[in-house]
Amino acid sequence: MSAPRTDLPTIEADTALWWQAAAEGRLLLRRCRSCTAAHLYPRPFCPSCWSEDVAWEQASGAASLYTYSVVRFNDLPPFAGRVPYVAAIVELAEGPRLMSNLVDCEPDELTVGMPLQVTFRHDAGAPAAPVFRPAHAPREEN
């Protein structure tokens, strides 16, 4: 018997559109109409000014590498089959930072500040999730 998945997100009413867009290969964020701050994770209010006047916006998908760690051991499913993998925080061109994984690159090629581009991981039994690759790397479907 395999261990239960512990990596699956809880899709709620406030995030359903975000996950639907990810399944379609689009990255959304929320922008406050009061203070103009963009934010992720999606929530029904602005974390900068607390306004509830927020709207969905399609992100460009461009980002830069803020920080990262190479994970060489993780025995939890489904991560064991991915090691080594790169856990990263990326800074979107629109401003928000997002925790994700880097794909299509070797860990020794990474540098903080390098340009990245969003792509999406489509694992069986899991919602599509945004991951990032070097902006110059050829796009591969995951």
N, C-alpha and C. Protein backbone atom coordinates (compact mmCIF):
# COMPACT_ATOMS: atom_id res chain seq x y z
N MET A 1 0.85 -1.18 0.00
CA MET A 1 0.00 0.00 0.00
C MET A 1 0.89 1.24 0.00
N SER A 2 0.58 2.18 -0.86
CA SER A 2 1.38 3.39 -0.93
C SER A 2 0.89 4.40 0.10
N ALA A 3 1.82 5.26 0.51
CA ALA A 3 1.50 6.28 1.50
C ALA A 3 0.56 7.31 0.89
N PRO A 4 -0.31 7.90 1.69
CA PRO A 4 -1.23 8.92 1.15
C PRO A 4 -0.46 10.16 0.71
N ARG A 5 -0.99 10.84 -0.29
CA ARG A 5 -0.38 12.07 -0.79
C ARG A 5 -0.56 13.18 0.23
N THR A 6 0.52 13.86 0.54
CA THR A 6 0.47 14.97 1.49
C THR A 6 0.78 16.30 0.80
N ASP A 7 0.97 16.25 -0.50
CA ASP A 7 1.40 17.44 -1.24
C ASP A 7 0.27 18.11 -2.00
N LEU A 8 -0.94 17.62 -1.90
CA LEU A 8 -2.04 18.17 -2.70
C LEU A 8 -2.66 19.37 -2.02
N PRO A 9 -2.94 20.41 -2.79
CA PRO A 9 -3.54 21.61 -2.21
C PRO A 9 -5.03 21.41 -1.92
N THR A 10 -5.54 22.23 -1.05
CA THR A 10 -6.97 22.29 -0.82
C THR A 10 -7.51 23.40 -1.72
N ILE A 11 -8.39 23.03 -2.63
CA ILE A 11 -8.95 24.02 -3.55
C ILE A 11 -10.24 24.54 -2.94
N GLU A 12 -10.25 25.84 -2.65
CA GLU A 12 -11.39 26.49 -2.01
C GLU A 12 -12.03 27.47 -2.99
N ALA A 13 -13.16 28.02 -2.62
CA ALA A 13 -13.88 28.96 -3.50
C ALA A 13 -12.98 30.13 -3.90
N ASP A 14 -12.16 30.63 -2.99
CA ASP A 14 -11.32 31.80 -3.29
C ASP A 14 -10.14 31.47 -4.19
N THR A 15 -9.80 30.18 -4.34
CA THR A 15 -8.65 29.79 -5.16
C THR A 15 -9.02 28.97 -6.38
N ALA A 16 -10.28 28.58 -6.53
CA ALA A 16 -10.68 27.68 -7.62
C ALA A 16 -10.33 28.25 -8.99
N LEU A 17 -10.55 29.53 -9.21
CA LEU A 17 -10.24 30.13 -10.51
C LEU A 17 -8.74 30.08 -10.79
N TRP A 18 -7.93 30.26 -9.76
CA TRP A 18 -6.48 30.20 -9.91
C TRP A 18 -6.05 28.81 -10.38
N TRP A 19 -6.61 27.77 -9.75
CA TRP A 19 -6.27 26.39 -10.13
C TRP A 19 -6.80 26.05 -11.52
N GLN A 20 -7.97 26.56 -11.86
CA GLN A 20 -8.53 26.33 -13.19
C GLN A 20 -7.62 26.95 -14.25
N ALA A 21 -7.16 28.17 -14.02
CA ALA A 21 -6.26 28.84 -14.96
C ALA A 21 -4.96 28.05 -15.09
N ALA A 22 -4.43 27.54 -13.98
CA ALA A 22 -3.20 26.73 -14.03
C ALA A 22 -3.40 25.51 -14.92
N ALA A 23 -4.56 24.87 -14.82
CA ALA A 23 -4.86 23.71 -15.66
C ALA A 23 -4.86 24.09 -17.14
N GLU A 24 -5.14 25.35 -17.43
CA GLU A 24 -5.16 25.86 -18.80
C GLU A 24 -3.81 26.46 -19.22
N GLY A 25 -2.80 26.38 -18.32
CA GLY A 25 -1.49 26.92 -18.64
C GLY A 25 -1.36 28.41 -18.47
N ARG A 26 -2.19 28.99 -17.58
CA ARG A 26 -2.14 30.43 -17.32
C ARG A 26 -1.87 30.66 -15.83
N LEU A 27 -1.05 31.65 -15.53
CA LEU A 27 -0.75 32.03 -14.15
C LEU A 27 -1.49 33.31 -13.82
N LEU A 28 -2.34 33.24 -12.81
CA LEU A 28 -3.09 34.41 -12.35
C LEU A 28 -2.53 34.93 -11.05
N LEU A 29 -2.76 36.20 -10.80
CA LEU A 29 -2.49 36.79 -9.49
C LEU A 29 -3.65 37.73 -9.20
N ARG A 30 -3.66 38.29 -8.01
CA ARG A 30 -4.69 39.26 -7.65
C ARG A 30 -4.04 40.62 -7.52
N ARG A 31 -4.77 41.65 -7.96
CA ARG A 31 -4.28 43.02 -7.82
C ARG A 31 -5.34 43.85 -7.11
N CYS A 32 -4.88 44.66 -6.18
CA CYS A 32 -5.76 45.54 -5.42
C CYS A 32 -6.09 46.76 -6.26
N ARG A 33 -7.36 47.07 -6.35
CA ARG A 33 -7.79 48.27 -7.09
C ARG A 33 -7.63 49.53 -6.25
N SER A 34 -7.42 49.37 -4.94
CA SER A 34 -7.25 50.54 -4.07
C SER A 34 -5.81 51.01 -4.02
N CYS A 35 -4.88 50.09 -3.76
CA CYS A 35 -3.47 50.49 -3.62
C CYS A 35 -2.60 50.00 -4.78
N THR A 36 -3.14 49.23 -5.68
CA THR A 36 -2.50 48.67 -6.89
C THR A 36 -1.48 47.56 -6.60
N ALA A 37 -1.34 47.11 -5.36
CA ALA A 37 -0.40 46.03 -5.05
C ALA A 37 -0.91 44.71 -5.62
N ALA A 38 0.01 43.94 -6.20
CA ALA A 38 -0.31 42.59 -6.68
C ALA A 38 0.05 41.61 -5.58
N HIS A 39 -0.71 40.51 -5.49
CA HIS A 39 -0.38 39.53 -4.46
C HIS A 39 -0.70 38.10 -4.87
N LEU A 40 0.02 37.21 -4.26
CA LEU A 40 -0.18 35.77 -4.30
C LEU A 40 0.18 35.30 -2.90
N TYR A 41 -0.45 34.38 -2.36
CA TYR A 41 -1.44 33.47 -2.82
C TYR A 41 -2.77 34.20 -2.99
N PRO A 42 -3.69 33.66 -3.82
CA PRO A 42 -4.95 34.36 -4.03
C PRO A 42 -5.79 34.40 -2.75
N ARG A 43 -6.29 35.54 -2.43
CA ARG A 43 -7.18 35.71 -1.27
C ARG A 43 -8.13 36.86 -1.58
N PRO A 44 -9.23 36.94 -0.86
CA PRO A 44 -10.27 37.91 -1.21
C PRO A 44 -10.02 39.33 -0.69
N PHE A 45 -8.84 39.60 -0.19
CA PHE A 45 -8.51 40.94 0.31
C PHE A 45 -7.05 41.23 0.02
N CYS A 46 -6.70 42.49 0.03
CA CYS A 46 -5.32 42.91 -0.21
C CYS A 46 -4.51 42.80 1.09
N PRO A 47 -3.40 42.07 1.07
CA PRO A 47 -2.59 41.97 2.29
C PRO A 47 -1.80 43.25 2.60
N SER A 48 -1.79 44.20 1.66
CA SER A 48 -1.08 45.47 1.89
C SER A 48 -1.96 46.51 2.57
N CYS A 49 -3.22 46.65 2.09
CA CYS A 49 -4.08 47.71 2.64
C CYS A 49 -5.41 47.17 3.19
N TRP A 50 -5.63 45.87 3.08
CA TRP A 50 -6.81 45.18 3.59
C TRP A 50 -8.09 45.46 2.81
N SER A 51 -7.97 46.12 1.67
CA SER A 51 -9.14 46.36 0.84
C SER A 51 -9.67 45.04 0.28
N GLU A 52 -10.97 44.96 0.14
CA GLU A 52 -11.58 43.79 -0.49
C GLU A 52 -11.83 44.04 -1.98
N ASP A 53 -11.37 45.16 -2.50
CA ASP A 53 -11.54 45.50 -3.90
C ASP A 53 -10.34 44.97 -4.69
N VAL A 54 -10.32 43.65 -4.89
CA VAL A 54 -9.23 42.99 -5.60
C VAL A 54 -9.78 42.31 -6.85
N ALA A 55 -8.94 42.21 -7.87
CA ALA A 55 -9.36 41.61 -9.14
C ALA A 55 -8.30 40.64 -9.63
N TRP A 56 -8.75 39.66 -10.40
CA TRP A 56 -7.84 38.71 -11.04
C TRP A 56 -7.12 39.39 -12.19
N GLU A 57 -5.86 38.99 -12.40
CA GLU A 57 -5.05 39.53 -13.49
C GLU A 57 -4.14 38.40 -13.97
N GLN A 58 -3.98 38.29 -15.28
CA GLN A 58 -3.06 37.29 -15.79
C GLN A 58 -1.64 37.81 -15.66
N ALA A 59 -0.79 37.00 -15.06
CA ALA A 59 0.62 37.36 -14.92
C ALA A 59 1.34 37.09 -16.24
N SER A 60 2.45 37.77 -16.44
CA SER A 60 3.23 37.59 -17.66
C SER A 60 3.91 36.23 -17.70
N GLY A 61 4.17 35.66 -16.54
CA GLY A 61 4.91 34.39 -16.47
C GLY A 61 6.40 34.60 -16.32
N ALA A 62 6.86 35.83 -16.49
CA ALA A 62 8.28 36.15 -16.31
C ALA A 62 8.57 36.29 -14.82
N ALA A 63 9.74 35.81 -14.42
CA ALA A 63 10.13 35.87 -13.02
C ALA A 63 11.65 35.88 -12.93
N SER A 64 12.14 36.06 -11.72
CA SER A 64 13.57 35.91 -11.46
C SER A 64 13.73 35.04 -10.22
N LEU A 65 14.87 34.40 -10.13
CA LEU A 65 15.15 33.51 -9.00
C LEU A 65 15.54 34.33 -7.78
N TYR A 66 14.74 34.24 -6.73
CA TYR A 66 15.00 34.99 -5.50
C TYR A 66 15.93 34.19 -4.58
N THR A 67 15.60 32.92 -4.35
CA THR A 67 16.44 32.02 -3.56
C THR A 67 16.04 30.60 -3.88
N TYR A 68 16.90 29.64 -3.53
CA TYR A 68 16.60 28.24 -3.83
C TYR A 68 17.38 27.30 -2.93
N SER A 69 16.95 26.04 -2.95
CA SER A 69 17.64 24.97 -2.25
C SER A 69 17.52 23.71 -3.08
N VAL A 70 18.59 22.97 -3.18
CA VAL A 70 18.56 21.69 -3.90
C VAL A 70 18.22 20.61 -2.88
N VAL A 71 17.11 19.93 -3.11
CA VAL A 71 16.65 18.86 -2.22
C VAL A 71 17.18 17.54 -2.77
N ARG A 72 18.02 16.88 -1.99
CA ARG A 72 18.64 15.64 -2.44
C ARG A 72 18.03 14.40 -1.81
N PHE A 73 17.24 14.59 -0.74
CA PHE A 73 16.57 13.46 -0.11
C PHE A 73 15.20 13.90 0.37
N ASN A 74 14.19 13.16 -0.05
CA ASN A 74 12.83 13.36 0.43
C ASN A 74 12.10 12.06 0.16
N ASP A 75 11.75 11.35 1.21
CA ASP A 75 11.12 10.04 1.01
C ASP A 75 9.60 10.09 0.98
N LEU A 76 9.01 11.28 1.01
CA LEU A 76 7.56 11.40 0.94
C LEU A 76 7.09 11.37 -0.51
N PRO A 77 5.97 10.67 -0.77
CA PRO A 77 5.45 10.67 -2.13
C PRO A 77 4.87 12.04 -2.47
N PRO A 78 4.99 12.52 -3.65
CA PRO A 78 5.66 11.96 -4.82
C PRO A 78 7.10 12.45 -4.97
N PHE A 79 7.64 13.09 -3.93
CA PHE A 79 8.93 13.75 -4.04
C PHE A 79 10.11 12.79 -4.19
N ALA A 80 10.00 11.59 -3.64
CA ALA A 80 11.11 10.63 -3.72
C ALA A 80 11.51 10.38 -5.17
N GLY A 81 10.55 10.36 -6.08
CA GLY A 81 10.85 10.12 -7.48
C GLY A 81 11.40 11.34 -8.20
N ARG A 82 11.46 12.47 -7.54
CA ARG A 82 11.93 13.71 -8.18
C ARG A 82 13.33 14.12 -7.74
N VAL A 83 13.86 13.52 -6.70
CA VAL A 83 15.16 13.97 -6.19
C VAL A 83 16.27 13.67 -7.19
N PRO A 84 17.27 14.54 -7.29
CA PRO A 84 17.28 15.85 -6.67
C PRO A 84 16.35 16.81 -7.41
N TYR A 85 15.74 17.72 -6.67
CA TYR A 85 14.91 18.76 -7.27
C TYR A 85 15.22 20.09 -6.62
N VAL A 86 14.81 21.14 -7.28
CA VAL A 86 15.11 22.48 -6.78
C VAL A 86 13.84 23.12 -6.25
N ALA A 87 13.82 23.38 -4.95
CA ALA A 87 12.75 24.16 -4.32
C ALA A 87 13.20 25.61 -4.37
N ALA A 88 12.31 26.49 -4.80
CA ALA A 88 12.73 27.87 -5.01
C ALA A 88 11.63 28.85 -4.63
N ILE A 89 12.06 30.06 -4.36
CA ILE A 89 11.16 31.20 -4.28
C ILE A 89 11.51 32.06 -5.47
N VAL A 90 10.50 32.33 -6.29
CA VAL A 90 10.70 33.16 -7.47
C VAL A 90 9.96 34.48 -7.28
N GLU A 91 10.50 35.52 -7.86
CA GLU A 91 9.86 36.82 -7.81
C GLU A 91 9.27 37.11 -9.18
N LEU A 92 7.95 37.20 -9.22
CA LEU A 92 7.27 37.47 -10.49
C LEU A 92 7.58 38.88 -10.96
N ALA A 93 7.55 39.10 -12.27
CA ALA A 93 7.79 40.43 -12.83
C ALA A 93 6.82 41.45 -12.25
N GLU A 94 5.62 40.98 -11.86
CA GLU A 94 4.60 41.87 -11.29
C GLU A 94 4.84 42.17 -9.81
N GLY A 95 5.82 41.50 -9.18
CA GLY A 95 6.17 41.80 -7.80
C GLY A 95 6.02 40.70 -6.78
N PRO A 96 4.92 39.95 -6.76
CA PRO A 96 4.79 38.93 -5.72
C PRO A 96 5.84 37.83 -5.84
N ARG A 97 6.13 37.21 -4.72
CA ARG A 97 7.02 36.05 -4.68
C ARG A 97 6.17 34.80 -4.51
N LEU A 98 6.64 33.72 -5.10
CA LEU A 98 5.91 32.47 -5.11
C LEU A 98 6.87 31.33 -4.86
N MET A 99 6.51 30.42 -3.95
CA MET A 99 7.30 29.21 -3.73
C MET A 99 6.94 28.21 -4.81
N SER A 100 7.94 27.59 -5.42
CA SER A 100 7.71 26.69 -6.53
C SER A 100 8.90 25.75 -6.67
N ASN A 101 8.96 25.07 -7.79
CA ASN A 101 10.10 24.24 -8.16
C ASN A 101 10.68 24.77 -9.46
N LEU A 102 11.98 24.51 -9.67
CA LEU A 102 12.62 24.83 -10.93
C LEU A 102 12.80 23.53 -11.70
N VAL A 103 12.57 23.59 -13.00
CA VAL A 103 12.69 22.42 -13.86
C VAL A 103 13.55 22.77 -15.07
N ASP A 104 13.94 21.75 -15.82
CA ASP A 104 14.70 21.92 -17.06
C ASP A 104 16.02 22.64 -16.84
N CYS A 105 16.67 22.37 -15.71
CA CYS A 105 17.96 23.00 -15.43
C CYS A 105 18.77 22.13 -14.48
N GLU A 106 20.05 22.32 -14.52
CA GLU A 106 20.96 21.66 -13.59
C GLU A 106 21.19 22.58 -12.40
N PRO A 107 21.19 22.05 -11.17
CA PRO A 107 21.38 22.91 -10.00
C PRO A 107 22.64 23.76 -10.04
N ASP A 108 23.72 23.26 -10.64
CA ASP A 108 24.95 24.06 -10.67
C ASP A 108 24.89 25.20 -11.69
N GLU A 109 23.82 25.28 -12.49
CA GLU A 109 23.64 26.37 -13.44
C GLU A 109 22.84 27.54 -12.85
N LEU A 110 22.34 27.38 -11.65
CA LEU A 110 21.45 28.38 -11.05
C LEU A 110 22.22 29.54 -10.46
N THR A 111 21.69 30.74 -10.64
CA THR A 111 22.22 31.93 -9.98
C THR A 111 21.05 32.79 -9.53
N VAL A 112 21.18 33.33 -8.35
CA VAL A 112 20.14 34.22 -7.84
C VAL A 112 20.01 35.40 -8.81
N GLY A 113 18.78 35.73 -9.13
CA GLY A 113 18.50 36.83 -10.04
C GLY A 113 18.32 36.40 -11.49
N MET A 114 18.62 35.13 -11.80
CA MET A 114 18.50 34.69 -13.20
C MET A 114 17.06 34.76 -13.67
N PRO A 115 16.84 35.08 -14.95
CA PRO A 115 15.47 35.16 -15.47
C PRO A 115 14.85 33.78 -15.62
N LEU A 116 13.58 33.70 -15.27
CA LEU A 116 12.81 32.46 -15.32
C LEU A 116 11.52 32.69 -16.08
N GLN A 117 10.91 31.59 -16.49
CA GLN A 117 9.62 31.64 -17.17
C GLN A 117 8.75 30.53 -16.59
N VAL A 118 7.47 30.80 -16.42
CA VAL A 118 6.56 29.81 -15.86
C VAL A 118 6.27 28.71 -16.89
N THR A 119 6.08 27.52 -16.41
CA THR A 119 5.52 26.40 -17.14
C THR A 119 4.67 25.66 -16.10
N PHE A 120 4.05 24.58 -16.47
CA PHE A 120 3.14 23.93 -15.52
C PHE A 120 3.40 22.43 -15.45
N ARG A 121 3.38 21.92 -14.22
CA ARG A 121 3.51 20.48 -13.99
C ARG A 121 2.11 19.90 -13.97
N HIS A 122 1.92 18.84 -14.74
CA HIS A 122 0.63 18.15 -14.82
C HIS A 122 0.85 16.71 -14.36
N ASP A 123 0.71 16.46 -13.06
CA ASP A 123 0.85 15.11 -12.51
C ASP A 123 -0.52 14.46 -12.43
N ALA A 124 -0.58 13.18 -12.73
CA ALA A 124 -1.84 12.44 -12.62
C ALA A 124 -2.36 12.52 -11.19
N GLY A 125 -3.64 12.80 -11.06
CA GLY A 125 -4.27 12.84 -9.74
C GLY A 125 -4.01 14.10 -8.95
N ALA A 126 -3.39 15.09 -9.57
CA ALA A 126 -3.09 16.34 -8.86
C ALA A 126 -3.42 17.53 -9.77
N PRO A 127 -3.78 18.67 -9.17
CA PRO A 127 -4.01 19.86 -9.99
C PRO A 127 -2.72 20.31 -10.67
N ALA A 128 -2.84 20.93 -11.83
CA ALA A 128 -1.67 21.50 -12.49
C ALA A 128 -1.06 22.55 -11.56
N ALA A 129 0.26 22.62 -11.54
CA ALA A 129 0.94 23.54 -10.63
C ALA A 129 1.99 24.33 -11.40
N PRO A 130 2.11 25.62 -11.11
CA PRO A 130 3.15 26.41 -11.78
C PRO A 130 4.53 26.03 -11.26
N VAL A 131 5.44 25.80 -12.19
CA VAL A 131 6.85 25.59 -11.91
C VAL A 131 7.60 26.53 -12.85
N PHE A 132 8.87 26.71 -12.63
CA PHE A 132 9.62 27.67 -13.43
C PHE A 132 10.85 27.02 -14.02
N ARG A 133 11.27 27.54 -15.16
CA ARG A 133 12.46 27.07 -15.85
C ARG A 133 13.28 28.28 -16.25
N PRO A 134 14.56 28.10 -16.51
CA PRO A 134 15.34 29.23 -17.01
C PRO A 134 14.68 29.80 -18.26
N ALA A 135 14.68 31.10 -18.41
CA ALA A 135 14.00 31.75 -19.52
C ALA A 135 14.56 31.31 -20.87
N HIS A 136 15.80 30.87 -20.91
CA HIS A 136 16.42 30.45 -22.18
C HIS A 136 16.21 28.97 -22.47
N ALA A 137 15.67 28.20 -21.51
CA ALA A 137 15.54 26.75 -21.69
C ALA A 137 14.37 26.42 -22.62
N PRO A 138 14.50 25.36 -23.41
CA PRO A 138 13.37 24.94 -24.26
C PRO A 138 12.25 24.45 -23.38
N ARG A 139 11.03 24.75 -23.77
CA ARG A 139 9.86 24.38 -22.97
C ARG A 139 9.55 22.90 -23.13
N GLU A 140 9.41 22.22 -22.00
CA GLU A 140 8.99 20.83 -21.98
C GLU A 140 7.75 20.74 -21.13
N GLU A 141 6.78 19.94 -21.56
CA GLU A 141 5.58 19.73 -20.75
C GLU A 141 5.91 18.74 -19.65
N ASN A 142 5.58 19.08 -18.43
CA ASN A 142 5.84 18.20 -17.27
C ASN A 142 4.58 17.52 -16.84
